[in-house]
Amino acid sequence: MRDIAAYLPFAVAFFLLLISMVAFRIYYPYSSSSNDFRHIFPAITPLVLLAVAGLLGLRNRKPLFVIAVVVLVAFAASGLLFQVITLAALLGV
Protein backbone atom coordinates (compact mmCIF):
# COMPACT_ATOMS: atom_id res chain seq x y z
CA MET A 1 0.00 0.00 0.00
CA ARG A 2 2.90 2.36 0.53
CA ASP A 3 3.67 2.36 -3.21
CA ILE A 4 0.13 3.08 -4.38
CA ALA A 5 1.28 6.07 -6.44
CA ALA A 6 3.59 3.77 -8.41
CA TYR A 7 0.62 1.68 -9.57
CA LEU A 8 -1.68 4.58 -10.34
CA PRO A 9 -0.69 4.88 -14.04
CA PHE A 10 -1.43 1.18 -14.56
CA ALA A 11 -4.82 1.47 -12.86
CA VAL A 12 -5.71 4.55 -14.88
CA ALA A 13 -4.61 2.89 -18.13
CA PHE A 14 -6.67 -0.22 -17.38
CA PHE A 15 -9.82 1.70 -16.51
CA LEU A 16 -9.49 4.03 -19.52
CA LEU A 17 -9.09 1.07 -21.85
CA LEU A 18 -12.03 -0.71 -20.24
CA ILE A 19 -14.27 2.37 -20.38
CA SER A 20 -13.36 3.03 -24.02
CA MET A 21 -14.15 -0.58 -24.94
CA VAL A 22 -17.54 -0.42 -23.18
CA ALA A 23 -18.34 2.93 -24.81
CA PHE A 24 -17.44 1.54 -28.24
CA ARG A 25 -19.76 -1.43 -27.71
CA ILE A 26 -22.56 0.86 -26.56
CA TYR A 27 -22.27 3.25 -29.51
CA TYR A 28 -21.68 0.54 -32.15
CA PRO A 29 -23.46 -2.56 -30.81
CA TYR A 30 -23.94 -4.30 -34.15
CA SER A 31 -20.56 -3.56 -35.66
CA SER A 32 -18.78 -6.68 -36.87
CA SER A 33 -15.60 -5.78 -35.01
CA SER A 34 -17.07 -4.70 -31.68
CA ASN A 35 -17.99 -8.11 -30.33
CA ASP A 36 -14.69 -9.93 -30.42
CA PHE A 37 -11.98 -10.13 -27.80
CA ARG A 38 -9.14 -8.42 -29.64
CA HIS A 39 -10.07 -5.08 -28.05
CA ILE A 40 -9.38 -6.36 -24.52
CA PHE A 41 -5.76 -7.40 -25.15
CA PRO A 42 -4.26 -3.92 -24.52
CA ALA A 43 -5.96 -3.89 -21.10
CA ILE A 44 -4.43 -7.21 -20.05
CA THR A 45 -0.92 -5.87 -19.34
CA PRO A 46 -1.92 -3.24 -16.75
CA LEU A 47 -4.39 -5.68 -15.21
CA VAL A 48 -1.73 -8.38 -14.82
CA LEU A 49 0.69 -5.89 -13.26
CA LEU A 50 -1.96 -4.77 -10.77
CA ALA A 51 -2.89 -8.38 -9.95
CA VAL A 52 0.73 -9.34 -9.30
CA ALA A 53 1.25 -6.22 -7.17
CA GLY A 54 -1.82 -7.12 -5.14
CA LEU A 55 -0.59 -10.68 -4.80
CA LEU A 56 2.79 -9.51 -3.55
CA GLY A 57 1.04 -7.30 -1.02
CA LEU A 58 -0.64 -10.38 0.45
CA ARG A 59 2.56 -12.36 1.03
CA ASN A 60 2.43 -12.05 4.82
CA ARG A 61 -1.30 -12.94 5.00
CA LYS A 62 -1.09 -16.64 4.21
CA PRO A 63 -4.81 -17.58 3.85
CA LEU A 64 -5.58 -14.60 1.60
CA PHE A 65 -2.42 -15.21 -0.40
CA VAL A 66 -3.38 -18.83 -1.07
CA ILE A 67 -6.92 -17.86 -2.08
CA ALA A 68 -5.60 -15.13 -4.39
CA VAL A 69 -3.13 -17.52 -6.03
CA VAL A 70 -5.88 -20.11 -6.58
CA VAL A 71 -8.19 -17.49 -8.11
CA LEU A 72 -5.48 -16.07 -10.39
CA VAL A 73 -4.35 -19.52 -11.54
CA ALA A 74 -7.97 -20.55 -12.21
CA PHE A 75 -8.51 -17.34 -14.20
CA ALA A 76 -5.35 -17.90 -16.25
CA ALA A 77 -6.21 -21.56 -16.84
CA SER A 78 -9.73 -20.73 -17.99
CA GLY A 79 -8.38 -18.10 -20.38
CA LEU A 80 -5.87 -20.57 -21.78
CA LEU A 81 -8.57 -23.23 -22.13
CA PHE A 82 -10.79 -20.77 -23.99
CA GLN A 83 -7.97 -19.99 -26.44
CA VAL A 84 -7.23 -23.69 -26.99
CA ILE A 85 -10.89 -24.53 -27.60
CA THR A 86 -11.25 -21.61 -30.01
CA LEU A 87 -8.11 -22.62 -31.90
CA ALA A 88 -9.27 -26.24 -32.07
CA ALA A 89 -12.65 -25.14 -33.42
CA LEU A 90 -10.96 -22.99 -36.07
CA LEU A 91 -8.70 -25.84 -37.13
CA GLY A 92 -11.61 -28.27 -37.21
CA VAL A 93 -10.18 -30.63 -34.62
C-alpha atoms as a PDB file:
ATOM      1  CA  MET A   1       0.000   0.000   0.000  1.00  0.00           C
ATOM      2  CA  ARG A   2       2.902   2.356   0.525  1.00  0.00           C
ATOM      3  CA  ASP A   3       3.668   2.361  -3.212  1.00  0.00           C
ATOM      4  CA  ILE A   4       0.132   3.078  -4.377  1.00  0.00           C
ATOM      5  CA  ALA A   5       1.281   6.067  -6.439  1.00  0.00           C
ATOM      6  CA  ALA A   6       3.591   3.770  -8.412  1.00  0.00           C
ATOM      7  CA  TYR A   7       0.623   1.682  -9.573  1.00  0.00           C
ATOM      8  CA  LEU A   8      -1.685   4.579 -10.344  1.00  0.00           C
ATOM      9  CA  PRO A   9      -0.693   4.881 -14.042  1.00  0.00           C
ATOM     10  CA  PHE A  10      -1.434   1.176 -14.563  1.00  0.00           C
ATOM     11  CA  ALA A  11      -4.820   1.469 -12.863  1.00  0.00           C
ATOM     12  CA  VAL A  12      -5.711   4.553 -14.878  1.00  0.00           C
ATOM     13  CA  ALA A  13      -4.614   2.886 -18.130  1.00  0.00           C
ATOM     14  CA  PHE A  14      -6.667  -0.221 -17.378  1.00  0.00           C
ATOM     15  CA  PHE A  15      -9.820   1.705 -16.509  1.00  0.00           C
ATOM     16  CA  LEU A  16      -9.485   4.029 -19.518  1.00  0.00           C
ATOM     17  CA  LEU A  17      -9.089   1.067 -21.855  1.00  0.00           C
ATOM     18  CA  LEU A  18     -12.025  -0.710 -20.242  1.00  0.00           C
ATOM     19  CA  ILE A  19     -14.270   2.366 -20.379  1.00  0.00           C
ATOM     20  CA  SER A  20     -13.362   3.026 -24.023  1.00  0.00           C
ATOM     21  CA  MET A  21     -14.153  -0.579 -24.939  1.00  0.00           C
ATOM     22  CA  VAL A  22     -17.535  -0.422 -23.177  1.00  0.00           C
ATOM     23  CA  ALA A  23     -18.338   2.929 -24.814  1.00  0.00           C
ATOM     24  CA  PHE A  24     -17.444   1.536 -28.238  1.00  0.00           C
ATOM     25  CA  ARG A  25     -19.757  -1.426 -27.709  1.00  0.00           C
ATOM     26  CA  ILE A  26     -22.562   0.860 -26.561  1.00  0.00           C
ATOM     27  CA  TYR A  27     -22.269   3.252 -29.512  1.00  0.00           C
ATOM     28  CA  TYR A  28     -21.676   0.543 -32.153  1.00  0.00           C
ATOM     29  CA  PRO A  29     -23.458  -2.557 -30.806  1.00  0.00           C
ATOM     30  CA  TYR A  30     -23.941  -4.299 -34.151  1.00  0.00           C
ATOM     31  CA  SER A  31     -20.565  -3.562 -35.659  1.00  0.00           C
ATOM     32  CA  SER A  32     -18.779  -6.684 -36.870  1.00  0.00           C
ATOM     33  CA  SER A  33     -15.595  -5.780 -35.009  1.00  0.00           C
ATOM     34  CA  SER A  34     -17.073  -4.696 -31.682  1.00  0.00           C
ATOM     35  CA  ASN A  35     -17.992  -8.112 -30.330  1.00  0.00           C
ATOM     36  CA  ASP A  36     -14.689  -9.929 -30.418  1.00  0.00           C
ATOM     37  CA  PHE A  37     -11.981 -10.133 -27.799  1.00  0.00           C
ATOM     38  CA  ARG A  38      -9.141  -8.424 -29.636  1.00  0.00           C
ATOM     39  CA  HIS A  39     -10.070  -5.080 -28.053  1.00  0.00           C
ATOM     40  CA  ILE A  40      -9.378  -6.357 -24.523  1.00  0.00           C
ATOM     41  CA  PHE A  41      -5.762  -7.400 -25.151  1.00  0.00           C
ATOM     42  CA  PRO A  42      -4.256  -3.921 -24.518  1.00  0.00           C
ATOM     43  CA  ALA A  43      -5.958  -3.895 -21.104  1.00  0.00           C
ATOM     44  CA  ILE A  44      -4.427  -7.208 -20.052  1.00  0.00           C
ATOM     45  CA  THR A  45      -0.920  -5.868 -19.336  1.00  0.00           C
ATOM     46  CA  PRO A  46      -1.921  -3.238 -16.749  1.00  0.00           C
ATOM     47  CA  LEU A  47      -4.395  -5.685 -15.208  1.00  0.00           C
ATOM     48  CA  VAL A  48      -1.729  -8.381 -14.820  1.00  0.00           C
ATOM     49  CA  LEU A  49       0.687  -5.888 -13.259  1.00  0.00           C
ATOM     50  CA  LEU A  50      -1.964  -4.773 -10.765  1.00  0.00           C
ATOM     51  CA  ALA A  51      -2.894  -8.381  -9.951  1.00  0.00           C
ATOM     52  CA  VAL A  52       0.732  -9.335  -9.295  1.00  0.00           C
ATOM     53  CA  ALA A  53       1.254  -6.225  -7.167  1.00  0.00           C
ATOM     54  CA  GLY A  54      -1.823  -7.118  -5.141  1.00  0.00           C
ATOM     55  CA  LEU A  55      -0.594 -10.678  -4.795  1.00  0.00           C
ATOM     56  CA  LEU A  56       2.786  -9.505  -3.548  1.00  0.00           C
ATOM     57  CA  GLY A  57       1.036  -7.301  -1.016  1.00  0.00           C
ATOM     58  CA  LEU A  58      -0.636 -10.383   0.453  1.00  0.00           C
ATOM     59  CA  ARG A  59       2.564 -12.365   1.031  1.00  0.00           C
ATOM     60  CA  ASN A  60       2.432 -12.047   4.824  1.00  0.00           C
ATOM     61  CA  ARG A  61      -1.299 -12.938   5.000  1.00  0.00           C
ATOM     62  CA  LYS A  62      -1.088 -16.640   4.214  1.00  0.00           C
ATOM     63  CA  PRO A  63      -4.813 -17.578   3.849  1.00  0.00           C
ATOM     64  CA  LEU A  64      -5.577 -14.599   1.600  1.00  0.00           C
ATOM     65  CA  PHE A  65      -2.415 -15.205  -0.400  1.00  0.00           C
ATOM     66  CA  VAL A  66      -3.379 -18.829  -1.067  1.00  0.00           C
ATOM     67  CA  ILE A  67      -6.923 -17.858  -2.084  1.00  0.00           C
ATOM     68  CA  ALA A  68      -5.596 -15.127  -4.385  1.00  0.00           C
ATOM     69  CA  VAL A  69      -3.132 -17.516  -6.026  1.00  0.00           C
ATOM     70  CA  VAL A  70      -5.877 -20.107  -6.575  1.00  0.00           C
ATOM     71  CA  VAL A  71      -8.193 -17.486  -8.112  1.00  0.00           C
ATOM     72  CA  LEU A  72      -5.484 -16.068 -10.394  1.00  0.00           C
ATOM     73  CA  VAL A  73      -4.353 -19.519 -11.540  1.00  0.00           C
ATOM     74  CA  ALA A  74      -7.973 -20.546 -12.206  1.00  0.00           C
ATOM     75  CA  PHE A  75      -8.511 -17.340 -14.197  1.00  0.00           C
ATOM     76  CA  ALA A  76      -5.352 -17.895 -16.247  1.00  0.00           C
ATOM     77  CA  ALA A  77      -6.210 -21.559 -16.842  1.00  0.00           C
ATOM     78  CA  SER A  78      -9.735 -20.734 -17.989  1.00  0.00           C
ATOM     79  CA  GLY A  79      -8.382 -18.100 -20.383  1.00  0.00           C
ATOM     80  CA  LEU A  80      -5.875 -20.566 -21.782  1.00  0.00           C
ATOM     81  CA  LEU A  81      -8.565 -23.231 -22.128  1.00  0.00           C
ATOM     82  CA  PHE A  82     -10.788 -20.768 -23.995  1.00  0.00           C
ATOM     83  CA  GLN A  83      -7.972 -19.993 -26.438  1.00  0.00           C
ATOM     84  CA  VAL A  84      -7.231 -23.693 -26.991  1.00  0.00           C
ATOM     85  CA  ILE A  85     -10.895 -24.534 -27.595  1.00  0.00           C
ATOM     86  CA  THR A  86     -11.246 -21.614 -30.011  1.00  0.00           C
ATOM     87  CA  LEU A  87      -8.115 -22.618 -31.900  1.00  0.00           C
ATOM     88  CA  ALA A  88      -9.270 -26.240 -32.065  1.00  0.00           C
ATOM     89  CA  ALA A  89     -12.646 -25.137 -33.422  1.00  0.00           C
ATOM     90  CA  LEU A  90     -10.961 -22.988 -36.074  1.00  0.00           C
ATOM     91  CA  LEU A  91      -8.701 -25.843 -37.132  1.00  0.00           C
ATOM     92  CA  GLY A  92     -11.614 -28.269 -37.211  1.00  0.00           C
ATOM     93  CA  VAL A  93     -10.178 -30.632 -34.621  1.00  0.00           C
END
